[in-house]
Amino acid sequence: QKSDGSWQNMAQTDVRDTAEAAATLKNFASAEVNYTAGFQWPAAGV
């Protein structure tokens, strides 16, 4: 996970990558902080 809370395979796919990674980590209590950061990433919008 990047420092701004996002995931990025390449610049064009950051929204998709962040949404997929956050949706996966949502299911694991150990990743709550990471999920929250991804969920709140500004560029994702929702």
ModelCIF file with pLDDT and N, C-alpha, C, O atoms, coordinates in Angstrom:
data_MODEL
#
_entry.id   MODEL 
#
_entity.id                         1 
_entity.type                       polymer 
_entity.pdbx_number_of_molecules   1 
#
_entity_poly.entity_id                      1 
_entity_poly.type                           'polypeptide(L)' 
_entity_poly.nstd_linkage                   no 
_entity_poly.nstd_monomer                   no 
_entity_poly.pdbx_seq_one_letter_code       QKSDGSWQNMAQTDVRDTAEAAATLKNFASAEVNYTAGFQWPAAGV 
_entity_poly.pdbx_seq_one_letter_code_can   QKSDGSWQNMAQTDVRDTAEAAATLKNFASAEVNYTAGFQWPAAGV 
_entity_poly.pdbx_strand_id                 A 
#
loop_
_entity_poly_seq.entity_id 
_entity_poly_seq.num 
_entity_poly_seq.mon_id 
_entity_poly_seq.hetero 
1 1  GLN n 
1 2  LYS n 
1 3  SER n 
1 4  ASP n 
1 5  GLY n 
1 6  SER n 
1 7  TRP n 
1 8  GLN n 
1 9  ASN n 
1 10 MET n 
1 11 ALA n 
1 12 GLN n 
1 13 THR n 
1 14 ASP n 
1 15 VAL n 
1 16 ARG n 
1 17 ASP n 
1 18 THR n 
1 19 ALA n 
1 20 GLU n 
1 21 ALA n 
1 22 ALA n 
1 23 ALA n 
1 24 THR n 
1 25 LEU n 
1 26 LYS n 
1 27 ASN n 
1 28 PHE n 
1 29 ALA n 
1 30 SER n 
1 31 ALA n 
1 32 GLU n 
1 33 VAL n 
1 34 ASN n 
1 35 TYR n 
1 36 THR n 
1 37 ALA n 
1 38 GLY n 
1 39 PHE n 
1 40 GLN n 
1 41 TRP n 
1 42 PRO n 
1 43 ALA n 
1 44 ALA n 
1 45 GLY n 
1 46 VAL n 
#
_struct_asym.id          A 
_struct_asym.entity_id   1 
#
loop_
_ma_qa_metric.id 
_ma_qa_metric.mode 
_ma_qa_metric.name 
_ma_qa_metric.software_group_id 
_ma_qa_metric.type 
1 global pLDDT . pLDDT 
2 local  pLDDT . pLDDT 
#
_ma_qa_metric_global.metric_id      1 
_ma_qa_metric_global.metric_value   80.91 
_ma_qa_metric_global.model_id       1 
_ma_qa_metric_global.ordinal_id     1 
#
loop_
_ma_qa_metric_local.label_asym_id 
_ma_qa_metric_local.label_comp_id 
_ma_qa_metric_local.label_seq_id 
_ma_qa_metric_local.metric_id 
_ma_qa_metric_local.metric_value 
_ma_qa_metric_local.model_id 
_ma_qa_metric_local.ordinal_id 
A GLN 1  2 91.00 1 1  
A LYS 2  2 90.00 1 2  
A SER 3  2 89.00 1 3  
A ASP 4  2 88.00 1 4  
A GLY 5  2 88.00 1 5  
A SER 6  2 90.00 1 6  
A TRP 7  2 88.00 1 7  
A GLN 8  2 85.00 1 8  
A ASN 9  2 75.00 1 9  
A MET 10 2 68.00 1 10 
A ALA 11 2 67.00 1 11 
A GLN 12 2 65.00 1 12 
A THR 13 2 76.00 1 13 
A ASP 14 2 80.00 1 14 
A VAL 15 2 82.00 1 15 
A ARG 16 2 80.00 1 16 
A ASP 17 2 84.00 1 17 
A THR 18 2 87.00 1 18 
A ALA 19 2 85.00 1 19 
A GLU 20 2 85.00 1 20 
A ALA 21 2 88.00 1 21 
A ALA 22 2 87.00 1 22 
A ALA 23 2 85.00 1 23 
A THR 24 2 88.00 1 24 
A LEU 25 2 89.00 1 25 
A LYS 26 2 87.00 1 26 
A ASN 27 2 86.00 1 27 
A PHE 28 2 89.00 1 28 
A ALA 29 2 87.00 1 29 
A SER 30 2 89.00 1 30 
A ALA 31 2 88.00 1 31 
A GLU 32 2 89.00 1 32 
A VAL 33 2 90.00 1 33 
A ASN 34 2 90.00 1 34 
A TYR 35 2 86.00 1 35 
A THR 36 2 88.00 1 36 
A ALA 37 2 89.00 1 37 
A GLY 38 2 86.00 1 38 
A PHE 39 2 81.00 1 39 
A GLN 40 2 84.00 1 40 
A TRP 41 2 82.00 1 41 
A PRO 42 2 64.00 1 42 
A ALA 43 2 51.00 1 43 
A ALA 44 2 46.00 1 44 
A GLY 45 2 48.00 1 45 
A VAL 46 2 42.00 1 46 
#
loop_
_atom_site.group_PDB 
_atom_site.id 
_atom_site.type_symbol 
_atom_site.label_atom_id 
_atom_site.label_alt_id 
_atom_site.label_comp_id 
_atom_site.label_asym_id 
_atom_site.label_entity_id 
_atom_site.label_seq_id 
_atom_site.pdbx_PDB_ins_code 
_atom_site.Cartn_x 
_atom_site.Cartn_y 
_atom_site.Cartn_z 
_atom_site.occupancy 
_atom_site.B_iso_or_equiv 
_atom_site.pdbx_formal_charge 
_atom_site.auth_seq_id 
_atom_site.auth_comp_id 
_atom_site.auth_asym_id 
_atom_site.auth_atom_id 
_atom_site.pdbx_PDB_model_num 
ATOM 1   N N  . GLN A 1 1  ? 0.841   -1.192  0.000   1.00 91.00 ? 1  GLN A N  1 
ATOM 2   C CA . GLN A 1 1  ? 0.000   0.000   0.000   1.00 91.00 ? 1  GLN A CA 1 
ATOM 3   C C  . GLN A 1 1  ? 0.877   1.243   0.000   1.00 91.00 ? 1  GLN A C  1 
ATOM 4   O O  . GLN A 1 1  ? 1.869   1.301   0.727   1.00 91.00 ? 1  GLN A O  1 
ATOM 5   N N  . LYS A 1 2  ? 0.522   2.236   -0.808  1.00 90.00 ? 2  LYS A N  1 
ATOM 6   C CA . LYS A 1 2  ? 1.303   3.467   -0.876  1.00 90.00 ? 2  LYS A CA 1 
ATOM 7   C C  . LYS A 1 2  ? 1.028   4.339   0.348   1.00 90.00 ? 2  LYS A C  1 
ATOM 8   O O  . LYS A 1 2  ? 0.062   4.108   1.076   1.00 90.00 ? 2  LYS A O  1 
ATOM 9   N N  . SER A 1 3  ? 1.855   5.310   0.563   1.00 89.00 ? 3  SER A N  1 
ATOM 10  C CA . SER A 1 3  ? 1.749   6.150   1.757   1.00 89.00 ? 3  SER A CA 1 
ATOM 11  C C  . SER A 1 3  ? 0.464   6.975   1.782   1.00 89.00 ? 3  SER A C  1 
ATOM 12  O O  . SER A 1 3  ? 0.011   7.377   2.854   1.00 89.00 ? 3  SER A O  1 
ATOM 13  N N  . ASP A 1 4  ? -0.129  7.231   0.610   1.00 88.00 ? 4  ASP A N  1 
ATOM 14  C CA . ASP A 1 4  ? -1.376  8.004   0.578   1.00 88.00 ? 4  ASP A CA 1 
ATOM 15  C C  . ASP A 1 4  ? -2.606  7.122   0.768   1.00 88.00 ? 4  ASP A C  1 
ATOM 16  O O  . ASP A 1 4  ? -3.734  7.615   0.729   1.00 88.00 ? 4  ASP A O  1 
ATOM 17  N N  . GLY A 1 5  ? -2.398  5.817   0.976   1.00 88.00 ? 5  GLY A N  1 
ATOM 18  C CA . GLY A 1 5  ? -3.505  4.904   1.213   1.00 88.00 ? 5  GLY A CA 1 
ATOM 19  C C  . GLY A 1 5  ? -3.947  4.127   -0.007  1.00 88.00 ? 5  GLY A C  1 
ATOM 20  O O  . GLY A 1 5  ? -4.815  3.261   0.101   1.00 88.00 ? 5  GLY A O  1 
ATOM 21  N N  . SER A 1 6  ? -3.378  4.411   -1.160  1.00 90.00 ? 6  SER A N  1 
ATOM 22  C CA . SER A 1 6  ? -3.812  3.762   -2.400  1.00 90.00 ? 6  SER A CA 1 
ATOM 23  C C  . SER A 1 6  ? -2.921  2.572   -2.746  1.00 90.00 ? 6  SER A C  1 
ATOM 24  O O  . SER A 1 6  ? -1.863  2.362   -2.153  1.00 90.00 ? 6  SER A O  1 
ATOM 25  N N  . TRP A 1 7  ? -3.385  1.806   -3.722  1.00 88.00 ? 7  TRP A N  1 
ATOM 26  C CA . TRP A 1 7  ? -2.571  0.774   -4.368  1.00 88.00 ? 7  TRP A CA 1 
ATOM 27  C C  . TRP A 1 7  ? -2.491  1.130   -5.836  1.00 88.00 ? 7  TRP A C  1 
ATOM 28  O O  . TRP A 1 7  ? -3.429  1.700   -6.394  1.00 88.00 ? 7  TRP A O  1 
ATOM 29  N N  . GLN A 1 8  ? -1.375  0.797   -6.465  1.00 85.00 ? 8  GLN A N  1 
ATOM 30  C CA . GLN A 1 8  ? -1.233  1.203   -7.850  1.00 85.00 ? 8  GLN A CA 1 
ATOM 31  C C  . GLN A 1 8  ? -0.293  0.262   -8.582  1.00 85.00 ? 8  GLN A C  1 
ATOM 32  O O  . GLN A 1 8  ? 0.885   0.143   -8.243  1.00 85.00 ? 8  GLN A O  1 
ATOM 33  N N  . ASN A 1 9  ? -0.843  -0.412  -9.607  1.00 75.00 ? 9  ASN A N  1 
ATOM 34  C CA . ASN A 1 9  ? -0.002  -1.206  -10.490 1.00 75.00 ? 9  ASN A CA 1 
ATOM 35  C C  . ASN A 1 9  ? 0.631   -0.306  -11.546 1.00 75.00 ? 9  ASN A C  1 
ATOM 36  O O  . ASN A 1 9  ? 1.799   -0.464  -11.900 1.00 75.00 ? 9  ASN A O  1 
ATOM 37  N N  . MET A 1 10 ? -0.171  0.649   -12.044 1.00 68.00 ? 10 MET A N  1 
ATOM 38  C CA . MET A 1 10 ? 0.309   1.693   -12.931 1.00 68.00 ? 10 MET A CA 1 
ATOM 39  C C  . MET A 1 10 ? -0.622  2.890   -12.764 1.00 68.00 ? 10 MET A C  1 
ATOM 40  O O  . MET A 1 10 ? -1.710  2.753   -12.205 1.00 68.00 ? 10 MET A O  1 
ATOM 41  N N  . ALA A 1 11 ? -0.210  4.048   -13.239 1.00 67.00 ? 11 ALA A N  1 
ATOM 42  C CA . ALA A 1 11 ? -0.953  5.278   -12.967 1.00 67.00 ? 11 ALA A CA 1 
ATOM 43  C C  . ALA A 1 11 ? -2.395  5.202   -13.434 1.00 67.00 ? 11 ALA A C  1 
ATOM 44  O O  . ALA A 1 11 ? -3.285  5.786   -12.817 1.00 67.00 ? 11 ALA A O  1 
ATOM 45  N N  . GLN A 1 12 ? -2.625  4.483   -14.520 1.00 65.00 ? 12 GLN A N  1 
ATOM 46  C CA . GLN A 1 12 ? -3.975  4.437   -15.075 1.00 65.00 ? 12 GLN A CA 1 
ATOM 47  C C  . GLN A 1 12 ? -4.916  3.526   -14.301 1.00 65.00 ? 12 GLN A C  1 
ATOM 48  O O  . GLN A 1 12 ? -6.130  3.583   -14.498 1.00 65.00 ? 12 GLN A O  1 
ATOM 49  N N  . THR A 1 13 ? -4.376  2.691   -13.427 1.00 76.00 ? 13 THR A N  1 
ATOM 50  C CA . THR A 1 13 ? -5.219  1.696   -12.755 1.00 76.00 ? 13 THR A CA 1 
ATOM 51  C C  . THR A 1 13 ? -5.306  1.910   -11.255 1.00 76.00 ? 13 THR A C  1 
ATOM 52  O O  . THR A 1 13 ? -5.738  1.008   -10.537 1.00 76.00 ? 13 THR A O  1 
ATOM 53  N N  . ASP A 1 14 ? -4.904  3.097   -10.749 1.00 80.00 ? 14 ASP A N  1 
ATOM 54  C CA . ASP A 1 14 ? -4.861  3.282   -9.303  1.00 80.00 ? 14 ASP A CA 1 
ATOM 55  C C  . ASP A 1 14 ? -6.242  3.176   -8.657  1.00 80.00 ? 14 ASP A C  1 
ATOM 56  O O  . ASP A 1 14 ? -6.369  2.630   -7.561  1.00 80.00 ? 14 ASP A O  1 
ATOM 57  N N  . VAL A 1 15 ? -7.287  3.697   -9.332  1.00 82.00 ? 15 VAL A N  1 
ATOM 58  C CA . VAL A 1 15 ? -8.638  3.619   -8.771  1.00 82.00 ? 15 VAL A CA 1 
ATOM 59  C C  . VAL A 1 15 ? -9.094  2.169   -8.681  1.00 82.00 ? 15 VAL A C  1 
ATOM 60  O O  . VAL A 1 15 ? -9.590  1.728   -7.644  1.00 82.00 ? 15 VAL A O  1 
ATOM 61  N N  . ARG A 1 16 ? -8.924  1.435   -9.767  1.00 80.00 ? 16 ARG A N  1 
ATOM 62  C CA . ARG A 1 16 ? -9.325  0.027   -9.768  1.00 80.00 ? 16 ARG A CA 1 
ATOM 63  C C  . ARG A 1 16 ? -8.529  -0.780  -8.742  1.00 80.00 ? 16 ARG A C  1 
ATOM 64  O O  . ARG A 1 16 ? -9.099  -1.568  -7.986  1.00 80.00 ? 16 ARG A O  1 
ATOM 65  N N  . ASP A 1 17 ? -7.198  -0.577  -8.721  1.00 84.00 ? 17 ASP A N  1 
ATOM 66  C CA . ASP A 1 17 ? -6.351  -1.353  -7.822  1.00 84.00 ? 17 ASP A CA 1 
ATOM 67  C C  . ASP A 1 17 ? -6.684  -1.075  -6.362  1.00 84.00 ? 17 ASP A C  1 
ATOM 68  O O  . ASP A 1 17 ? -6.716  -1.990  -5.539  1.00 84.00 ? 17 ASP A O  1 
ATOM 69  N N  . THR A 1 18 ? -6.934  0.199   -6.044  1.00 87.00 ? 18 THR A N  1 
ATOM 70  C CA . THR A 1 18 ? -7.266  0.561   -4.667  1.00 87.00 ? 18 THR A CA 1 
ATOM 71  C C  . THR A 1 18 ? -8.611  -0.022  -4.252  1.00 87.00 ? 18 THR A C  1 
ATOM 72  O O  . THR A 1 18 ? -8.759  -0.536  -3.143  1.00 87.00 ? 18 THR A O  1 
ATOM 73  N N  . ALA A 1 19 ? -9.582  0.059   -5.143  1.00 85.00 ? 19 ALA A N  1 
ATOM 74  C CA . ALA A 1 19 ? -10.902 -0.487  -4.832  1.00 85.00 ? 19 ALA A CA 1 
ATOM 75  C C  . ALA A 1 19 ? -10.837 -1.988  -4.589  1.00 85.00 ? 19 ALA A C  1 
ATOM 76  O O  . ALA A 1 19 ? -11.448 -2.491  -3.645  1.00 85.00 ? 19 ALA A O  1 
ATOM 77  N N  . GLU A 1 20 ? -10.103 -2.708  -5.433  1.00 85.00 ? 20 GLU A N  1 
ATOM 78  C CA . GLU A 1 20 ? -10.007 -4.162  -5.303  1.00 85.00 ? 20 GLU A CA 1 
ATOM 79  C C  . GLU A 1 20 ? -9.244  -4.552  -4.029  1.00 85.00 ? 20 GLU A C  1 
ATOM 80  O O  . GLU A 1 20 ? -9.664  -5.452  -3.301  1.00 85.00 ? 20 GLU A O  1 
ATOM 81  N N  . ALA A 1 21 ? -8.126  -3.873  -3.765  1.00 88.00 ? 21 ALA A N  1 
ATOM 82  C CA . ALA A 1 21 ? -7.332  -4.210  -2.594  1.00 88.00 ? 21 ALA A CA 1 
ATOM 83  C C  . ALA A 1 21 ? -8.088  -3.901  -1.306  1.00 88.00 ? 21 ALA A C  1 
ATOM 84  O O  . ALA A 1 21 ? -8.088  -4.706  -0.374  1.00 88.00 ? 21 ALA A O  1 
ATOM 85  N N  . ALA A 1 22 ? -8.738  -2.726  -1.253  1.00 87.00 ? 22 ALA A N  1 
ATOM 86  C CA . ALA A 1 22 ? -9.482  -2.355  -0.047  1.00 87.00 ? 22 ALA A CA 1 
ATOM 87  C C  . ALA A 1 22 ? -10.662 -3.296  0.179   1.00 87.00 ? 22 ALA A C  1 
ATOM 88  O O  . ALA A 1 22 ? -10.952 -3.674  1.314   1.00 87.00 ? 22 ALA A O  1 
ATOM 89  N N  . ALA A 1 23 ? -11.338 -3.671  -0.902  1.00 85.00 ? 23 ALA A N  1 
ATOM 90  C CA . ALA A 1 23 ? -12.468 -4.582  -0.773  1.00 85.00 ? 23 ALA A CA 1 
ATOM 91  C C  . ALA A 1 23 ? -12.025 -5.938  -0.232  1.00 85.00 ? 23 ALA A C  1 
ATOM 92  O O  . ALA A 1 23 ? -12.769 -6.589  0.501   1.00 85.00 ? 23 ALA A O  1 
ATOM 93  N N  . THR A 1 24 ? -10.816 -6.363  -0.590  1.00 88.00 ? 24 THR A N  1 
ATOM 94  C CA . THR A 1 24 ? -10.283 -7.635  -0.093  1.00 88.00 ? 24 THR A CA 1 
ATOM 95  C C  . THR A 1 24 ? -9.905  -7.529  1.378   1.00 88.00 ? 24 THR A C  1 
ATOM 96  O O  . THR A 1 24 ? -10.255 -8.396  2.178   1.00 88.00 ? 24 THR A O  1 
ATOM 97  N N  . LEU A 1 25 ? -9.190  -6.465  1.734   1.00 89.00 ? 25 LEU A N  1 
ATOM 98  C CA . LEU A 1 25 ? -8.715  -6.322  3.111   1.00 89.00 ? 25 LEU A CA 1 
ATOM 99  C C  . LEU A 1 25 ? -9.840  -6.028  4.094   1.00 89.00 ? 25 LEU A C  1 
ATOM 100 O O  . LEU A 1 25 ? -9.665  -6.184  5.303   1.00 89.00 ? 25 LEU A O  1 
ATOM 101 N N  . LYS A 1 26 ? -10.983 -5.607  3.590   1.00 87.00 ? 26 LYS A N  1 
ATOM 102 C CA . LYS A 1 26 ? -12.135 -5.343  4.447   1.00 87.00 ? 26 LYS A CA 1 
ATOM 103 C C  . LYS A 1 26 ? -12.520 -6.578  5.264   1.00 87.00 ? 26 LYS A C  1 
ATOM 104 O O  . LYS A 1 26 ? -13.123 -6.460  6.331   1.00 87.00 ? 26 LYS A O  1 
ATOM 105 N N  . ASN A 1 27 ? -12.169 -7.756  4.759   1.00 86.00 ? 27 ASN A N  1 
ATOM 106 C CA . ASN A 1 27 ? -12.574 -9.006  5.398   1.00 86.00 ? 27 ASN A CA 1 
ATOM 107 C C  . ASN A 1 27 ? -11.611 -9.471  6.486   1.00 86.00 ? 27 ASN A C  1 
ATOM 108 O O  . ASN A 1 27 ? -11.826 -10.521 7.091   1.00 86.00 ? 27 ASN A O  1 
ATOM 109 N N  . PHE A 1 28 ? -10.539 -8.693  6.745   1.00 89.00 ? 28 PHE A N  1 
ATOM 110 C CA . PHE A 1 28 ? -9.517  -9.136  7.698   1.00 89.00 ? 28 PHE A CA 1 
ATOM 111 C C  . PHE A 1 28 ? -9.292  -8.073  8.770   1.00 89.00 ? 28 PHE A C  1 
ATOM 112 O O  . PHE A 1 28 ? -8.928  -6.937  8.467   1.00 89.00 ? 28 PHE A O  1 
ATOM 113 N N  . ALA A 1 29 ? -9.513  -8.456  10.023  1.00 87.00 ? 29 ALA A N  1 
ATOM 114 C CA . ALA A 1 29 ? -9.370  -7.515  11.133  1.00 87.00 ? 29 ALA A CA 1 
ATOM 115 C C  . ALA A 1 29 ? -7.946  -6.977  11.237  1.00 87.00 ? 29 ALA A C  1 
ATOM 116 O O  . ALA A 1 29 ? -7.741  -5.828  11.629  1.00 87.00 ? 29 ALA A O  1 
ATOM 117 N N  . SER A 1 30 ? -6.969  -7.799  10.890  1.00 89.00 ? 30 SER A N  1 
ATOM 118 C CA . SER A 1 30 ? -5.569  -7.372  10.994  1.00 89.00 ? 30 SER A CA 1 
ATOM 119 C C  . SER A 1 30 ? -5.237  -6.255  10.017  1.00 89.00 ? 30 SER A C  1 
ATOM 120 O O  . SER A 1 30 ? -4.222  -5.577  10.175  1.00 89.00 ? 30 SER A O  1 
ATOM 121 N N  . ALA A 1 31 ? -6.079  -6.057  9.012   1.00 88.00 ? 31 ALA A N  1 
ATOM 122 C CA . ALA A 1 31 ? -5.813  -5.040  7.992   1.00 88.00 ? 31 ALA A CA 1 
ATOM 123 C C  . ALA A 1 31 ? -6.770  -3.869  8.095   1.00 88.00 ? 31 ALA A C  1 
ATOM 124 O O  . ALA A 1 31 ? -6.947  -3.132  7.124   1.00 88.00 ? 31 ALA A O  1 
ATOM 125 N N  . GLU A 1 32 ? -7.389  -3.682  9.246   1.00 89.00 ? 32 GLU A N  1 
ATOM 126 C CA . GLU A 1 32 ? -8.390  -2.630  9.380   1.00 89.00 ? 32 GLU A CA 1 
ATOM 127 C C  . GLU A 1 32 ? -7.826  -1.252  9.055   1.00 89.00 ? 32 GLU A C  1 
ATOM 128 O O  . GLU A 1 32 ? -8.471  -0.453  8.376   1.00 89.00 ? 32 GLU A O  1 
ATOM 129 N N  . VAL A 1 33 ? -6.608  -0.977  9.547   1.00 90.00 ? 33 VAL A N  1 
ATOM 130 C CA . VAL A 1 33 ? -5.994  0.327   9.302   1.00 90.00 ? 33 VAL A CA 1 
ATOM 131 C C  . VAL A 1 33 ? -5.751  0.528   7.807   1.00 90.00 ? 33 VAL A C  1 
ATOM 132 O O  . VAL A 1 33 ? -5.996  1.607   7.268   1.00 90.00 ? 33 VAL A O  1 
ATOM 133 N N  . ASN A 1 34 ? -5.267  -0.520  7.148   1.00 90.00 ? 34 ASN A N  1 
ATOM 134 C CA . ASN A 1 34 ? -4.991  -0.424  5.711   1.00 90.00 ? 34 ASN A CA 1 
ATOM 135 C C  . ASN A 1 34 ? -6.276  -0.248  4.915   1.00 90.00 ? 34 ASN A C  1 
ATOM 136 O O  . ASN A 1 34 ? -6.338  0.547   3.978   1.00 90.00 ? 34 ASN A O  1 
ATOM 137 N N  . TYR A 1 35 ? -7.302  -1.002  5.303   1.00 86.00 ? 35 TYR A N  1 
ATOM 138 C CA . TYR A 1 35 ? -8.588  -0.886  4.614   1.00 86.00 ? 35 TYR A CA 1 
ATOM 139 C C  . TYR A 1 35 ? -9.149  0.528   4.748   1.00 86.00 ? 35 TYR A C  1 
ATOM 140 O O  . TYR A 1 35 ? -9.625  1.114   3.776   1.00 86.00 ? 35 TYR A O  1 
ATOM 141 N N  . THR A 1 36 ? -9.085  1.077   5.985   1.00 88.00 ? 36 THR A N  1 
ATOM 142 C CA . THR A 1 36 ? -9.630  2.416   6.220   1.00 88.00 ? 36 THR A CA 1 
ATOM 143 C C  . THR A 1 36 ? -8.893  3.459   5.394   1.00 88.00 ? 36 THR A C  1 
ATOM 144 O O  . THR A 1 36 ? -9.508  4.364   4.831   1.00 88.00 ? 36 THR A O  1 
ATOM 145 N N  . ALA A 1 37 ? -7.564  3.328   5.325   1.00 89.00 ? 37 ALA A N  1 
ATOM 146 C CA . ALA A 1 37 ? -6.773  4.281   4.539   1.00 89.00 ? 37 ALA A CA 1 
ATOM 147 C C  . ALA A 1 37 ? -7.131  4.195   3.061   1.00 89.00 ? 37 ALA A C  1 
ATOM 148 O O  . ALA A 1 37 ? -7.237  5.215   2.378   1.00 89.00 ? 37 ALA A O  1 
ATOM 149 N N  . GLY A 1 38 ? -7.316  2.970   2.572   1.00 86.00 ? 38 GLY A N  1 
ATOM 150 C CA . GLY A 1 38 ? -7.702  2.809   1.176   1.00 86.00 ? 38 GLY A CA 1 
ATOM 151 C C  . GLY A 1 38 ? -9.101  3.329   0.902   1.00 86.00 ? 38 GLY A C  1 
ATOM 152 O O  . GLY A 1 38 ? -9.359  3.941   -0.135  1.00 86.00 ? 38 GLY A O  1 
ATOM 153 N N  . PHE A 1 39 ? -9.995  3.080   1.840   1.00 81.00 ? 39 PHE A N  1 
ATOM 154 C CA . PHE A 1 39 ? -11.384 3.532   1.704   1.00 81.00 ? 39 PHE A CA 1 
ATOM 155 C C  . PHE A 1 39 ? -11.455 5.057   1.635   1.00 81.00 ? 39 PHE A C  1 
ATOM 156 O O  . PHE A 1 39 ? -12.283 5.620   0.920   1.00 81.00 ? 39 PHE A O  1 
ATOM 157 N N  . GLN A 1 40 ? -10.585 5.707   2.380   1.00 84.00 ? 40 GLN A N  1 
ATOM 158 C CA . GLN A 1 40 ? -10.619 7.166   2.460   1.00 84.00 ? 40 GLN A CA 1 
ATOM 159 C C  . GLN A 1 40 ? -9.696  7.841   1.443   1.00 84.00 ? 40 GLN A C  1 
ATOM 160 O O  . GLN A 1 40 ? -9.595  9.067   1.414   1.00 84.00 ? 40 GLN A O  1 
ATOM 161 N N  . TRP A 1 41 ? -9.034  7.055   0.622   1.00 82.00 ? 41 TRP A N  1 
ATOM 162 C CA . TRP A 1 41 ? -8.127  7.649   -0.372  1.00 82.00 ? 41 TRP A CA 1 
ATOM 163 C C  . TRP A 1 41 ? -8.897  8.649   -1.235  1.00 82.00 ? 41 TRP A C  1 
ATOM 164 O O  . TRP A 1 41 ? -9.893  8.270   -1.851  1.00 82.00 ? 41 TRP A O  1 
ATOM 165 N N  . PRO A 1 42 ? -8.476  9.897   -1.299  1.00 64.00 ? 42 PRO A N  1 
ATOM 166 C CA . PRO A 1 42 ? -9.270  10.942  -1.978  1.00 64.00 ? 42 PRO A CA 1 
ATOM 167 C C  . PRO A 1 42 ? -9.580  10.653  -3.424  1.00 64.00 ? 42 PRO A C  1 
ATOM 168 O O  . PRO A 1 42 ? -10.684 10.941  -3.887  1.00 64.00 ? 42 PRO A O  1 
ATOM 169 N N  . ALA A 1 43 ? -8.628  10.086  -4.155  1.00 51.00 ? 43 ALA A N  1 
ATOM 170 C CA . ALA A 1 43 ? -8.859  9.901   -5.585  1.00 51.00 ? 43 ALA A CA 1 
ATOM 171 C C  . ALA A 1 43 ? -9.908  8.849   -5.886  1.00 51.00 ? 43 ALA A C  1 
ATOM 172 O O  . ALA A 1 43 ? -10.461 8.812   -6.985  1.00 51.00 ? 43 ALA A O  1 
ATOM 173 N N  . ALA A 1 44 ? -10.185 7.991   -4.911  1.00 46.00 ? 44 ALA A N  1 
ATOM 174 C CA . ALA A 1 44 ? -11.179 6.934   -5.139  1.00 46.00 ? 44 ALA A CA 1 
ATOM 175 C C  . ALA A 1 44 ? -12.592 7.455   -5.104  1.00 46.00 ? 44 ALA A C  1 
ATOM 176 O O  . ALA A 1 44 ? -13.494 6.848   -5.680  1.00 46.00 ? 44 ALA A O  1 
ATOM 177 N N  . GLY A 1 45 ? -12.802 8.585   -4.428  1.00 48.00 ? 45 GLY A N  1 
ATOM 178 C CA . GLY A 1 45 ? -14.134 9.182   -4.404  1.00 48.00 ? 45 GLY A CA 1 
ATOM 179 C C  . GLY A 1 45 ? -15.062 8.484   -3.434  1.00 48.00 ? 45 GLY A C  1 
ATOM 180 O O  . GLY A 1 45 ? -15.586 9.118   -2.518  1.00 48.00 ? 45 GLY A O  1 
ATOM 181 N N  . VAL A 1 46 ? -15.274 7.205   -3.616  1.00 42.00 ? 46 VAL A N  1 
ATOM 182 C CA . VAL A 1 46 ? -16.123 6.418   -2.715  1.00 42.00 ? 46 VAL A CA 1 
ATOM 183 C C  . VAL A 1 46 ? -15.421 5.122   -2.422  1.00 42.00 ? 46 VAL A C  1 
ATOM 184 O O  . VAL A 1 46 ? -15.945 4.289   -1.682  1.00 42.00 ? 46 VAL A O  1 
#
